[in-house]
């Protein structure tokens, strides 16, 4: 019986749509995060003097601090965007797949 249900799910158009959309979206968010993170690491490697420059005279806060905080904030924002879409569109598609499987 479980094999039957798995075959029904795998043959569902909603399931294929769900897998395709989720994979594309996760790949896009991963690429964005990779570019941001690698960009930050490259700045650290190749422009440490620029990152170490104070934001303005008389302060010890350098350019690197807000940029580093920005990298962390972007990761939280991208996680929130994924969760928002997963709880909306992806959950609706999952429900549609389950409805198809439950109805004979």
PDB file of N, CA and C in Angstrom:
ATOM      1  N   UNK A   1       0.822  -1.194   0.000  1.00  0.00           N
ATOM      2  CA  UNK A   1       0.000   0.000   0.000  1.00  0.00           C
ATOM      3  C   UNK A   1       0.869   1.263   0.000  1.00  0.00           C
ATOM      4  N   UNK A   2       1.925   1.300   0.790  1.00  0.00           N
ATOM      5  CA  UNK A   2       2.796   2.460   0.834  1.00  0.00           C
ATOM      6  C   UNK A   2       3.446   2.725  -0.520  1.00  0.00           C
ATOM      7  N   UNK A   3       3.813   1.647  -1.208  1.00  0.00           N
ATOM      8  CA  UNK A   3       4.406   1.793  -2.539  1.00  0.00           C
ATOM      9  C   UNK A   3       3.392   2.415  -3.492  1.00  0.00           C
ATOM     10  N   UNK A   4       2.147   2.043  -3.344  1.00  0.00           N
ATOM     11  CA  UNK A   4       1.058   2.589  -4.169  1.00  0.00           C
ATOM     12  C   UNK A   4       0.912   4.101  -3.952  1.00  0.00           C
ATOM     13  N   UNK A   5       0.943   4.504  -2.698  1.00  0.00           N
ATOM     14  CA  UNK A   5       0.822   5.926  -2.359  1.00  0.00           C
ATOM     15  C   UNK A   5       2.015   6.709  -2.896  1.00  0.00           C
ATOM     16  N   UNK A   6       3.209   6.142  -2.763  1.00  0.00           N
ATOM     17  CA  UNK A   6       4.408   6.809  -3.282  1.00  0.00           C
ATOM     18  C   UNK A   6       4.318   6.994  -4.791  1.00  0.00           C
ATOM     19  N   UNK A   7       3.839   6.006  -5.491  1.00  0.00           N
ATOM     20  CA  UNK A   7       3.698   6.113  -6.940  1.00  0.00           C
ATOM     21  C   UNK A   7       2.650   7.164  -7.309  1.00  0.00           C
ATOM     22  N   UNK A   8       1.570   7.228  -6.555  1.00  0.00           N
ATOM     23  CA  UNK A   8       0.546   8.242  -6.816  1.00  0.00           C
ATOM     24  C   UNK A   8       1.114   9.644  -6.610  1.00  0.00           C
ATOM     25  N   UNK A   9       1.882   9.802  -5.548  1.00  0.00           N
ATOM     26  CA  UNK A   9       2.474  11.113  -5.260  1.00  0.00           C
ATOM     27  C   UNK A   9       3.461  11.493  -6.359  1.00  0.00           C
ATOM     28  N   UNK A  10       4.341  10.570  -6.729  1.00  0.00           N
ATOM     29  CA  UNK A  10       5.354  10.865  -7.745  1.00  0.00           C
ATOM     30  C   UNK A  10       4.750  11.154  -9.114  1.00  0.00           C
ATOM     31  N   UNK A  11       3.582  10.605  -9.399  1.00  0.00           N
ATOM     32  CA  UNK A  11       2.957  10.844 -10.699  1.00  0.00           C
ATOM     33  C   UNK A  11       2.053  12.076 -10.692  1.00  0.00           C
ATOM     34  N   UNK A  12       1.889  12.692  -9.541  1.00  0.00           N
ATOM     35  CA  UNK A  12       1.029  13.867  -9.418  1.00  0.00           C
ATOM     36  C   UNK A  12       1.665  15.096 -10.078  1.00  0.00           C
ATOM     37  N   UNK A  13       0.858  15.813 -10.850  1.00  0.00           N
ATOM     38  CA  UNK A  13       1.335  17.050 -11.480  1.00  0.00           C
ATOM     39  C   UNK A  13       1.641  18.110 -10.425  1.00  0.00           C
ATOM     40  N   UNK A  14       0.843  18.152  -9.366  1.00  0.00           N
ATOM     41  CA  UNK A  14       1.083  19.114  -8.287  1.00  0.00           C
ATOM     42  C   UNK A  14       2.409  18.829  -7.586  1.00  0.00           C
ATOM     43  N   UNK A  15       2.724  17.539  -7.406  1.00  0.00           N
ATOM     44  CA  UNK A  15       3.982  17.178  -6.752  1.00  0.00           C
ATOM     45  C   UNK A  15       5.167  17.611  -7.600  1.00  0.00           C
ATOM     46  N   UNK A  16       5.112  17.347  -8.902  1.00  0.00           N
ATOM     47  CA  UNK A  16       6.206  17.762  -9.786  1.00  0.00           C
ATOM     48  C   UNK A  16       6.354  19.277  -9.789  1.00  0.00           C
ATOM     49  N   UNK A  17       5.223  19.982  -9.774  1.00  0.00           N
ATOM     50  CA  UNK A  17       5.264  21.448  -9.716  1.00  0.00           C
ATOM     51  C   UNK A  17       5.896  21.916  -8.409  1.00  0.00           C
ATOM     52  N   UNK A  18       5.498  21.287  -7.311  1.00  0.00           N
ATOM     53  CA  UNK A  18       6.051  21.634  -5.995  1.00  0.00           C
ATOM     54  C   UNK A  18       7.560  21.431  -5.968  1.00  0.00           C
ATOM     55  N   UNK A  19       8.023  20.283  -6.430  1.00  0.00           N
ATOM     56  CA  UNK A  19       9.455  19.979  -6.402  1.00  0.00           C
ATOM     57  C   UNK A  19      10.219  20.978  -7.267  1.00  0.00           C
ATOM     58  N   UNK A  20       9.683  21.258  -8.457  1.00  0.00           N
ATOM     59  CA  UNK A  20      10.368  22.176  -9.374  1.00  0.00           C
ATOM     60  C   UNK A  20      10.439  23.590  -8.807  1.00  0.00           C
ATOM     61  N   UNK A  21       9.319  24.098  -8.299  1.00  0.00           N
ATOM     62  CA  UNK A  21       9.304  25.462  -7.755  1.00  0.00           C
ATOM     63  C   UNK A  21      10.184  25.591  -6.522  1.00  0.00           C
ATOM     64  N   UNK A  22      10.091  24.601  -5.644  1.00  0.00           N
ATOM     65  CA  UNK A  22      10.884  24.662  -4.417  1.00  0.00           C
ATOM     66  C   UNK A  22      12.373  24.590  -4.718  1.00  0.00           C
ATOM     67  N   UNK A  23      12.745  23.728  -5.657  1.00  0.00           N
ATOM     68  CA  UNK A  23      14.151  23.597  -6.023  1.00  0.00           C
ATOM     69  C   UNK A  23      14.683  24.879  -6.660  1.00  0.00           C
ATOM     70  N   UNK A  24      13.909  25.471  -7.572  1.00  0.00           N
ATOM     71  CA  UNK A  24      14.327  26.722  -8.211  1.00  0.00           C
ATOM     72  C   UNK A  24      14.485  27.836  -7.194  1.00  0.00           C
ATOM     73  N   UNK A  25      13.514  27.948  -6.293  1.00  0.00           N
ATOM     74  CA  UNK A  25      13.539  29.008  -5.293  1.00  0.00           C
ATOM     75  C   UNK A  25      14.697  28.828  -4.316  1.00  0.00           C
ATOM     76  N   UNK A  26      14.910  27.601  -3.857  1.00  0.00           N
ATOM     77  CA  UNK A  26      16.018  27.332  -2.930  1.00  0.00           C
ATOM     78  C   UNK A  26      17.355  27.592  -3.613  1.00  0.00           C
ATOM     79  N   UNK A  27      17.456  27.251  -4.886  1.00  0.00           N
ATOM     80  CA  UNK A  27      18.695  27.512  -5.618  1.00  0.00           C
ATOM     81  C   UNK A  27      18.942  29.005  -5.750  1.00  0.00           C
ATOM     82  N   UNK A  28      17.902  29.749  -6.072  1.00  0.00           N
ATOM     83  CA  UNK A  28      18.039  31.204  -6.194  1.00  0.00           C
ATOM     84  C   UNK A  28      18.498  31.831  -4.880  1.00  0.00           C
ATOM     85  N   UNK A  29      17.847  31.463  -3.778  1.00  0.00           N
ATOM     86  CA  UNK A  29      18.232  32.023  -2.488  1.00  0.00           C
ATOM     87  C   UNK A  29      19.651  31.603  -2.098  1.00  0.00           C
ATOM     88  N   UNK A  30      20.019  30.380  -2.422  1.00  0.00           N
ATOM     89  CA  UNK A  30      21.381  29.913  -2.123  1.00  0.00           C
ATOM     90  C   UNK A  30      22.416  30.692  -2.908  1.00  0.00           C
ATOM     91  N   UNK A  31      22.138  30.959  -4.173  1.00  0.00           N
ATOM     92  CA  UNK A  31      23.069  31.724  -4.998  1.00  0.00           C
ATOM     93  C   UNK A  31      23.210  33.141  -4.458  1.00  0.00           C
ATOM     94  N   UNK A  32      22.092  33.752  -4.080  1.00  0.00           N
ATOM     95  CA  UNK A  32      22.145  35.109  -3.511  1.00  0.00           C
ATOM     96  C   UNK A  32      23.021  35.114  -2.258  1.00  0.00           C
ATOM     97  N   UNK A  33      22.793  34.168  -1.367  1.00  0.00           N
ATOM     98  CA  UNK A  33      23.572  34.129  -0.124  1.00  0.00           C
ATOM     99  C   UNK A  33      25.033  33.834  -0.401  1.00  0.00           C
ATOM    100  N   UNK A  34      25.304  32.956  -1.353  1.00  0.00           N
ATOM    101  CA  UNK A  34      26.677  32.634  -1.704  1.00  0.00           C
ATOM    102  C   UNK A  34      27.409  33.860  -2.249  1.00  0.00           C
ATOM    103  N   UNK A  35      26.749  34.620  -3.110  1.00  0.00           N
ATOM    104  CA  UNK A  35      27.363  35.827  -3.675  1.00  0.00           C
ATOM    105  C   UNK A  35      27.653  36.842  -2.569  1.00  0.00           C
ATOM    106  N   UNK A  36      26.681  37.031  -1.672  1.00  0.00           N
ATOM    107  CA  UNK A  36      26.875  37.993  -0.576  1.00  0.00           C
ATOM    108  C   UNK A  36      28.026  37.553   0.324  1.00  0.00           C
ATOM    109  N   UNK A  37      28.034  36.297   0.715  1.00  0.00           N
ATOM    110  CA  UNK A  37      29.057  35.811   1.638  1.00  0.00           C
ATOM    111  C   UNK A  37      30.437  35.802   0.990  1.00  0.00           C
ATOM    112  N   UNK A  38      30.525  35.263  -0.213  1.00  0.00           N
ATOM    113  CA  UNK A  38      31.823  35.217  -0.896  1.00  0.00           C
ATOM    114  C   UNK A  38      32.316  36.635  -1.182  1.00  0.00           C
ATOM    115  N   UNK A  39      31.403  37.528  -1.538  1.00  0.00           N
ATOM    116  CA  UNK A  39      31.785  38.923  -1.742  1.00  0.00           C
ATOM    117  C   UNK A  39      32.393  39.527  -0.485  1.00  0.00           C
ATOM    118  N   UNK A  40      31.784  39.227   0.651  1.00  0.00           N
ATOM    119  CA  UNK A  40      32.304  39.732   1.924  1.00  0.00           C
ATOM    120  C   UNK A  40      33.682  39.145   2.219  1.00  0.00           C
ATOM    121  N   UNK A  41      33.837  37.851   2.002  1.00  0.00           N
ATOM    122  CA  UNK A  41      35.130  37.198   2.244  1.00  0.00           C
ATOM    123  C   UNK A  41      36.193  37.758   1.294  1.00  0.00           C
ATOM    124  N   UNK A  42      35.819  38.002   0.047  1.00  0.00           N
ATOM    125  CA  UNK A  42      36.776  38.580  -0.908  1.00  0.00           C
ATOM    126  C   UNK A  42      37.177  39.994  -0.495  1.00  0.00           C
ATOM    127  N   UNK A  43      36.215  40.752   0.035  1.00  0.00           N
ATOM    128  CA  UNK A  43      36.566  42.078   0.560  1.00  0.00           C
ATOM    129  C   UNK A  43      37.570  41.965   1.701  1.00  0.00           C
ATOM    130  N   UNK A  44      37.336  41.012   2.577  1.00  0.00           N
ATOM    131  CA  UNK A  44      38.264  40.804   3.694  1.00  0.00           C
ATOM    132  C   UNK A  44      39.652  40.429   3.175  1.00  0.00           C
ATOM    133  N   UNK A  45      39.691  39.582   2.156  1.00  0.00           N
ATOM    134  CA  UNK A  45      40.964  39.097   1.637  1.00  0.00           C
ATOM    135  C   UNK A  45      41.719  40.150   0.834  1.00  0.00           C
ATOM    136  N   UNK A  46      40.978  40.904   0.004  1.00  0.00           N
ATOM    137  CA  UNK A  46      41.663  41.781  -0.942  1.00  0.00           C
ATOM    138  C   UNK A  46      41.556  43.276  -0.628  1.00  0.00           C
ATOM    139  N   UNK A  47      40.713  43.658   0.305  1.00  0.00           N
ATOM    140  CA  UNK A  47      40.608  45.077   0.645  1.00  0.00           C
ATOM    141  C   UNK A  47      40.487  45.272   2.153  1.00  0.00           C
ATOM    142  N   UNK A  48      41.396  44.671   2.924  1.00  0.00           N
ATOM    143  CA  UNK A  48      41.280  44.817   4.376  1.00  0.00           C
ATOM    144  C   UNK A  48      41.458  46.264   4.833  1.00  0.00           C
ATOM    145  N   UNK A  49      42.259  47.015   4.106  1.00  0.00           N
ATOM    146  CA  UNK A  49      42.463  48.423   4.469  1.00  0.00           C
ATOM    147  C   UNK A  49      41.192  49.230   4.305  1.00  0.00           C
ATOM    148  N   UNK A  50      40.473  48.961   3.227  1.00  0.00           N
ATOM    149  CA  UNK A  50      39.220  49.670   2.981  1.00  0.00           C
ATOM    150  C   UNK A  50      38.194  49.308   4.050  1.00  0.00           C
ATOM    151  N   UNK A  51      38.092  48.012   4.380  1.00  0.00           N
ATOM    152  CA  UNK A  51      37.143  47.581   5.416  1.00  0.00           C
ATOM    153  C   UNK A  51      37.535  48.115   6.791  1.00  0.00           C
ATOM    154  N   UNK A  52      38.825  48.296   7.012  1.00  0.00           N
ATOM    155  CA  UNK A  52      39.299  48.771   8.310  1.00  0.00           C
ATOM    156  C   UNK A  52      39.256  50.275   8.479  1.00  0.00           C
ATOM    157  N   UNK A  53      38.828  50.973   7.450  1.00  0.00           N
ATOM    158  CA  UNK A  53      38.736  52.430   7.522  1.00  0.00           C
ATOM    159  C   UNK A  53      37.545  52.826   8.398  1.00  0.00           C
ATOM    160  N   UNK A  54      37.750  53.727   9.359  1.00  0.00           N
ATOM    161  CA  UNK A  54      36.629  54.172  10.199  1.00  0.00           C
ATOM    162  C   UNK A  54      35.526  54.835   9.369  1.00  0.00           C
ATOM    163  N   UNK A  55      34.299  54.713   9.831  1.00  0.00           N
ATOM    164  CA  UNK A  55      33.170  55.322   9.122  1.00  0.00           C
ATOM    165  C   UNK A  55      33.300  56.839   9.071  1.00  0.00           C
ATOM    166  N   UNK A  56      33.751  57.425  10.172  1.00  0.00           N
ATOM    167  CA  UNK A  56      34.039  58.857  10.197  1.00  0.00           C
ATOM    168  C   UNK A  56      35.085  59.127  11.268  1.00  0.00           C
ATOM    169  N   UNK A  57      35.651  60.286  11.224  1.00  0.00           N
ATOM    170  CA  UNK A  57      36.743  60.625  12.146  1.00  0.00           C
ATOM    171  C   UNK A  57      36.277  60.540  13.601  1.00  0.00           C
ATOM    172  N   UNK A  58      37.129  60.015  14.431  1.00  0.00           N
ATOM    173  CA  UNK A  58      36.854  59.964  15.867  1.00  0.00           C
ATOM    174  C   UNK A  58      36.047  58.749  16.297  1.00  0.00           C
ATOM    175  N   UNK A  59      35.835  57.805  15.423  1.00  0.00           N
ATOM    176  CA  UNK A  59      35.085  56.612  15.811  1.00  0.00           C
ATOM    177  C   UNK A  59      35.931  55.373  15.578  1.00  0.00           C
ATOM    178  N   UNK A  60      35.633  54.334  16.319  1.00  0.00           N
ATOM    179  CA  UNK A  60      36.357  53.077  16.119  1.00  0.00           C
ATOM    180  C   UNK A  60      35.538  52.097  15.276  1.00  0.00           C
ATOM    181  N   UNK A  61      34.348  52.523  14.858  1.00  0.00           N
ATOM    182  CA  UNK A  61      33.502  51.673  14.013  1.00  0.00           C
ATOM    183  C   UNK A  61      34.002  51.784  12.573  1.00  0.00           C
ATOM    184  N   UNK A  62      34.386  50.628  12.020  1.00  0.00           N
ATOM    185  CA  UNK A  62      34.921  50.617  10.664  1.00  0.00           C
ATOM    186  C   UNK A  62      33.849  50.211   9.662  1.00  0.00           C
ATOM    187  N   UNK A  63      34.171  50.342   8.391  1.00  0.00           N
ATOM    188  CA  UNK A  63      33.237  49.957   7.326  1.00  0.00           C
ATOM    189  C   UNK A  63      32.876  48.477   7.398  1.00  0.00           C
ATOM    190  N   UNK A  64      33.786  47.672   7.865  1.00  0.00           N
ATOM    191  CA  UNK A  64      33.554  46.229   7.919  1.00  0.00           C
ATOM    192  C   UNK A  64      32.456  45.811   8.874  1.00  0.00           C
ATOM    193  N   UNK A  65      32.262  46.575   9.942  1.00  0.00           N
ATOM    194  CA  UNK A  65      31.259  46.195  10.945  1.00  0.00           C
ATOM    195  C   UNK A  65      29.843  46.258  10.373  1.00  0.00           C
ATOM    196  N   UNK A  66      29.399  47.387   9.790  1.00  0.00           N
ATOM    197  CA  UNK A  66      28.043  47.382   9.240  1.00  0.00           C
ATOM    198  C   UNK A  66      27.885  46.428   8.054  1.00  0.00           C
ATOM    199  N   UNK A  67      28.946  46.232   7.280  1.00  0.00           N
ATOM    200  CA  UNK A  67      28.859  45.280   6.168  1.00  0.00           C
ATOM    201  C   UNK A  67      28.695  43.860   6.706  1.00  0.00           C
ATOM    202  N   UNK A  68      29.454  43.504   7.734  1.00  0.00           N
ATOM    203  CA  UNK A  68      29.317  42.186   8.364  1.00  0.00           C
ATOM    204  C   UNK A  68      27.946  41.982   8.975  1.00  0.00           C
ATOM    205  N   UNK A  69      27.440  43.006   9.637  1.00  0.00           N
ATOM    206  CA  UNK A  69      26.086  42.930  10.197  1.00  0.00           C
ATOM    207  C   UNK A  69      25.061  42.785   9.067  1.00  0.00           C
ATOM    208  N   UNK A  70      25.316  43.468   7.950  1.00  0.00           N
ATOM    209  CA  UNK A  70      24.426  43.353   6.795  1.00  0.00           C
ATOM    210  C   UNK A  70      24.378  41.935   6.252  1.00  0.00           C
ATOM    211  N   UNK A  71      25.520  41.251   6.223  1.00  0.00           N
ATOM    212  CA  UNK A  71      25.554  39.859   5.764  1.00  0.00           C
ATOM    213  C   UNK A  71      24.680  38.990   6.666  1.00  0.00           C
ATOM    214  N   UNK A  72      24.780  39.200   7.967  1.00  0.00           N
ATOM    215  CA  UNK A  72      23.966  38.433   8.920  1.00  0.00           C
ATOM    216  C   UNK A  72      22.484  38.746   8.730  1.00  0.00           C
ATOM    217  N   UNK A  73      22.152  40.011   8.575  1.00  0.00           N
ATOM    218  CA  UNK A  73      20.752  40.407   8.394  1.00  0.00           C
ATOM    219  C   UNK A  73      20.186  39.828   7.101  1.00  0.00           C
ATOM    220  N   UNK A  74      20.988  39.849   6.027  1.00  0.00           N
ATOM    221  CA  UNK A  74      20.528  39.287   4.760  1.00  0.00           C
ATOM    222  C   UNK A  74      20.220  37.801   4.909  1.00  0.00           C
ATOM    223  N   UNK A  75      21.024  37.090   5.678  1.00  0.00           N
ATOM    224  CA  UNK A  75      20.751  35.658   5.865  1.00  0.00           C
ATOM    225  C   UNK A  75      19.430  35.441   6.598  1.00  0.00           C
ATOM    226  N   UNK A  76      19.140  36.276   7.596  1.00  0.00           N
ATOM    227  CA  UNK A  76      17.862  36.168   8.294  1.00  0.00           C
ATOM    228  C   UNK A  76      16.691  36.534   7.370  1.00  0.00           C
ATOM    229  N   UNK A  77      16.869  37.563   6.570  1.00  0.00           N
ATOM    230  CA  UNK A  77      15.815  37.993   5.650  1.00  0.00           C
ATOM    231  C   UNK A  77      15.531  36.895   4.625  1.00  0.00           C
ATOM    232  N   UNK A  78      16.577  36.321   4.052  1.00  0.00           N
ATOM    233  CA  UNK A  78      16.371  35.260   3.066  1.00  0.00           C
ATOM    234  C   UNK A  78      15.707  34.031   3.695  1.00  0.00           C
ATOM    235  N   UNK A  79      16.068  33.716   4.919  1.00  0.00           N
ATOM    236  CA  UNK A  79      15.402  32.622   5.627  1.00  0.00           C
ATOM    237  C   UNK A  79      13.923  32.937   5.820  1.00  0.00           C
ATOM    238  N   UNK A  80      13.627  34.174   6.214  1.00  0.00           N
ATOM    239  CA  UNK A  80      12.233  34.583   6.383  1.00  0.00           C
ATOM    240  C   UNK A  80      11.446  34.528   5.086  1.00  0.00           C
ATOM    241  N   UNK A  81      12.066  34.927   3.989  1.00  0.00           N
ATOM    242  CA  UNK A  81      11.410  34.871   2.683  1.00  0.00           C
ATOM    243  C   UNK A  81      11.101  33.422   2.318  1.00  0.00           C
ATOM    244  N   UNK A  82      12.050  32.531   2.571  1.00  0.00           N
ATOM    245  CA  UNK A  82      11.807  31.117   2.267  1.00  0.00           C
ATOM    246  C   UNK A  82      10.665  30.568   3.121  1.00  0.00           C
ATOM    247  N   UNK A  83      10.679  30.860   4.404  1.00  0.00           N
ATOM    248  CA  UNK A  83       9.628  30.364   5.303  1.00  0.00           C
ATOM    249  C   UNK A  83       8.267  30.920   4.888  1.00  0.00           C
ATOM    250  N   UNK A  84       8.217  32.197   4.525  1.00  0.00           N
ATOM    251  CA  UNK A  84       6.965  32.821   4.097  1.00  0.00           C
ATOM    252  C   UNK A  84       6.410  32.106   2.866  1.00  0.00           C
ATOM    253  N   UNK A  85       7.276  31.852   1.891  1.00  0.00           N
ATOM    254  CA  UNK A  85       6.804  31.189   0.675  1.00  0.00           C
ATOM    255  C   UNK A  85       6.470  29.726   0.949  1.00  0.00           C
ATOM    256  N   UNK A  86       7.258  29.069   1.806  1.00  0.00           N
ATOM    257  CA  UNK A  86       6.986  27.667   2.138  1.00  0.00           C
ATOM    258  C   UNK A  86       5.649  27.526   2.849  1.00  0.00           C
ATOM    259  N   UNK A  87       5.344  28.447   3.741  1.00  0.00           N
ATOM    260  CA  UNK A  87       4.074  28.386   4.469  1.00  0.00           C
ATOM    261  C   UNK A  87       2.885  28.798   3.606  1.00  0.00           C
ATOM    262  N   UNK A  88       3.144  29.428   2.488  1.00  0.00           N
ATOM    263  CA  UNK A  88       2.068  29.843   1.595  1.00  0.00           C
ATOM    264  C   UNK A  88       1.933  28.912   0.414  1.00  0.00           C
ATOM    265  N   UNK A  89       2.661  29.222  -0.638  1.00  0.00           N
ATOM    266  CA  UNK A  89       2.540  28.497  -1.907  1.00  0.00           C
ATOM    267  C   UNK A  89       2.909  27.022  -1.785  1.00  0.00           C
ATOM    268  N   UNK A  90       4.014  26.727  -1.117  1.00  0.00           N
ATOM    269  CA  UNK A  90       4.455  25.337  -1.039  1.00  0.00           C
ATOM    270  C   UNK A  90       3.498  24.487  -0.201  1.00  0.00           C
ATOM    271  N   UNK A  91       2.951  25.054   0.861  1.00  0.00           N
ATOM    272  CA  UNK A  91       1.972  24.314   1.656  1.00  0.00           C
ATOM    273  C   UNK A  91       0.688  24.070   0.869  1.00  0.00           C
ATOM    274  N   UNK A  92       0.275  25.046   0.053  1.00  0.00           N
ATOM    275  CA  UNK A  92      -0.928  24.849  -0.777  1.00  0.00           C
ATOM    276  C   UNK A  92      -0.713  23.713  -1.774  1.00  0.00           C
ATOM    277  N   UNK A  93       0.462  23.662  -2.385  1.00  0.00           N
ATOM    278  CA  UNK A  93       0.758  22.582  -3.324  1.00  0.00           C
ATOM    279  C   UNK A  93       0.827  21.236  -2.614  1.00  0.00           C
ATOM    280  N   UNK A  94       1.395  21.214  -1.422  1.00  0.00           N
ATOM    281  CA  UNK A  94       1.453  19.975  -0.645  1.00  0.00           C
ATOM    282  C   UNK A  94       0.049  19.489  -0.308  1.00  0.00           C
ATOM    283  N   UNK A  95      -0.820  20.402   0.085  1.00  0.00           N
ATOM    284  CA  UNK A  95      -2.206  20.051   0.378  1.00  0.00           C
ATOM    285  C   UNK A  95      -2.897  19.501  -0.855  1.00  0.00           C
ATOM    286  N   UNK A  96      -2.644  20.088  -2.011  1.00  0.00           N
ATOM    287  CA  UNK A  96      -3.241  19.604  -3.263  1.00  0.00           C
ATOM    288  C   UNK A  96      -2.763  18.184  -3.575  1.00  0.00           C
ATOM    289  N   UNK A  97      -1.475  17.912  -3.335  1.00  0.00           N
ATOM    290  CA  UNK A  97      -0.941  16.562  -3.565  1.00  0.00           C
ATOM    291  C   UNK A  97      -1.626  15.578  -2.632  1.00  0.00           C
ATOM    292  N   UNK A  98      -1.744  15.933  -1.368  1.00  0.00           N
ATOM    293  CA  UNK A  98      -2.384  15.034  -0.385  1.00  0.00           C
ATOM    294  C   UNK A  98      -3.851  14.785  -0.725  1.00  0.00           C
ATOM    295  N   UNK A  99      -4.530  15.814  -1.209  1.00  0.00           N
ATOM    296  CA  UNK A  99      -5.934  15.644  -1.619  1.00  0.00           C
ATOM    297  C   UNK A  99      -6.041  14.664  -2.779  1.00  0.00           C
ATOM    298  N   UNK A 100      -5.133  14.773  -3.742  1.00  0.00           N
ATOM    299  CA  UNK A 100      -5.142  13.856  -4.885  1.00  0.00           C
ATOM    300  C   UNK A 100      -4.911  12.424  -4.450  1.00  0.00           C
ATOM    301  N   UNK A 101      -4.014  12.220  -3.509  1.00  0.00           N
ATOM    302  CA  UNK A 101      -3.685  10.874  -3.066  1.00  0.00           C
ATOM    303  C   UNK A 101      -4.819  10.271  -2.243  1.00  0.00           C
ATOM    304  N   UNK A 102      -5.478  11.082  -1.435  1.00  0.00           N
ATOM    305  CA  UNK A 102      -6.540  10.575  -0.559  1.00  0.00           C
ATOM    306  C   UNK A 102      -7.811  10.243  -1.315  1.00  0.00           C
ATOM    307  N   UNK A 103      -8.076  10.949  -2.399  1.00  0.00           N
ATOM    308  CA  UNK A 103      -9.291  10.667  -3.159  1.00  0.00           C
ATOM    309  C   UNK A 103      -9.005   9.593  -4.205  1.00  0.00           C
ATOM    310  N   UNK A 104      -9.845   8.563  -4.237  1.00  0.00           N
ATOM    311  CA  UNK A 104      -9.608   7.465  -5.177  1.00  0.00           C
ATOM    312  C   UNK A 104      -9.870   7.831  -6.615  1.00  0.00           C
TER     313      UNK A 104
END
